[in-house]
Amino acid sequence: MIFDPTIGKAFPDTRLGSNLFYDTTISPKSFTGPSAEQLLRWNDMRGGYFLMIRPDAFGGSYVLPRSTLPAVRPNIGKGKT
């Protein structure tokens, strides 16, 4: 993840092609956990699949397909209190 403090947003490490995001991480990420807001923002930029690269000692790498996006999305971004 790359954080741009000038605009207060984080971006995935790399986008491969038009719809595959690549992010190197130690912490697990999902559409329902603490990282959900970050992943949903990335998907809003350009819908895609998320390839999470993690060391085997931390559970290994995995893919989050778009089909696992929540049907009802939490209120993120503007208007959030």
Protein backbone atom coordinates (compact mmCIF):
# COMPACT_ATOMS: atom_id res chain seq x y z
CA MET A 1 0.00 0.00 0.00
CA ILE A 2 1.21 3.48 -0.85
CA PHE A 3 -0.12 6.34 1.29
CA ASP A 4 -0.22 9.87 -0.13
CA PRO A 5 -0.34 12.24 2.87
CA THR A 6 -1.05 15.26 0.66
CA ILE A 7 -4.52 13.92 -0.18
CA GLY A 8 -4.95 11.51 2.75
CA LYS A 9 -5.56 8.42 0.59
CA ALA A 10 -3.89 5.04 0.22
CA PHE A 11 -3.39 3.20 -3.06
CA PRO A 12 -2.56 -0.42 -3.83
CA ASP A 13 1.10 -1.15 -4.61
CA THR A 14 0.44 -1.96 -8.26
CA ARG A 15 -2.36 -2.47 -10.76
CA LEU A 16 -1.76 -5.28 -13.25
CA GLY A 17 -3.78 -4.79 -16.40
CA SER A 18 -7.12 -3.06 -16.08
CA ASN A 19 -8.67 -4.92 -13.15
CA LEU A 20 -6.11 -6.70 -10.93
CA PHE A 21 -4.74 -4.90 -7.88
CA TYR A 22 -1.56 -6.21 -6.27
CA ASP A 23 -0.81 -5.35 -2.65
CA THR A 24 1.96 -6.59 -0.40
CA THR A 25 0.77 -6.92 3.18
CA ILE A 26 1.36 -8.63 6.49
CA SER A 27 -2.10 -8.03 7.95
CA PRO A 28 -5.05 -9.99 6.54
CA LYS A 29 -7.50 -7.98 4.45
CA SER A 30 -11.13 -8.65 3.58
CA PHE A 31 -14.26 -6.82 2.51
CA THR A 32 -15.72 -7.27 6.01
CA GLY A 33 -12.80 -6.58 8.36
CA PRO A 34 -10.97 -3.42 9.39
CA SER A 35 -9.51 -3.06 5.87
CA ALA A 36 -12.94 -3.07 4.16
CA GLU A 37 -13.09 0.71 3.67
CA GLN A 38 -9.66 0.75 2.03
CA LEU A 39 -10.50 -2.11 -0.36
CA LEU A 40 -13.87 -0.63 -1.30
CA ARG A 41 -12.21 2.70 -2.10
CA TRP A 42 -9.72 0.93 -4.37
CA ASN A 43 -12.59 -0.87 -6.07
CA ASP A 44 -14.39 2.47 -6.56
CA MET A 45 -11.33 3.80 -8.42
CA ARG A 46 -11.53 0.89 -10.86
CA GLY A 47 -13.39 -2.30 -10.15
CA GLY A 48 -11.20 -5.35 -9.98
CA TYR A 49 -9.77 -8.32 -8.17
CA PHE A 50 -7.32 -7.99 -5.29
CA LEU A 51 -4.18 -10.14 -5.12
CA MET A 52 -2.78 -10.01 -1.58
CA ILE A 53 0.84 -11.06 -1.35
CA ARG A 54 1.73 -12.29 2.15
CA PRO A 55 4.60 -14.33 3.55
CA ASP A 56 3.74 -17.98 4.18
CA ALA A 57 4.45 -17.44 7.89
CA PHE A 58 1.52 -14.98 7.97
CA GLY A 59 -0.96 -17.17 6.10
CA GLY A 60 0.27 -16.93 2.52
CA SER A 61 -1.07 -15.08 -0.52
CA TYR A 62 -4.68 -15.02 -1.65
CA VAL A 63 -7.13 -13.35 -4.05
CA LEU A 64 -10.27 -11.41 -3.14
CA PRO A 65 -12.60 -11.74 -6.16
CA ARG A 66 -15.15 -9.03 -6.96
CA SER A 67 -17.91 -11.56 -6.35
CA THR A 68 -17.10 -11.33 -2.62
CA LEU A 69 -17.88 -7.58 -2.46
CA PRO A 70 -20.72 -6.95 -0.01
CA ALA A 71 -24.12 -6.39 -1.66
CA VAL A 72 -24.89 -3.59 0.80
CA ARG A 73 -21.93 -1.32 1.24
CA PRO A 74 -21.15 0.59 4.41
CA ASN A 75 -21.19 4.39 4.29
CA ILE A 76 -17.63 5.32 3.39
CA GLY A 77 -16.05 8.58 2.43
CA LYS A 78 -18.19 11.71 2.23
CA GLY A 79 -20.73 12.19 4.96
CA LYS A 80 -19.09 9.70 7.31
CA THR A 81 -19.13 10.87 10.92
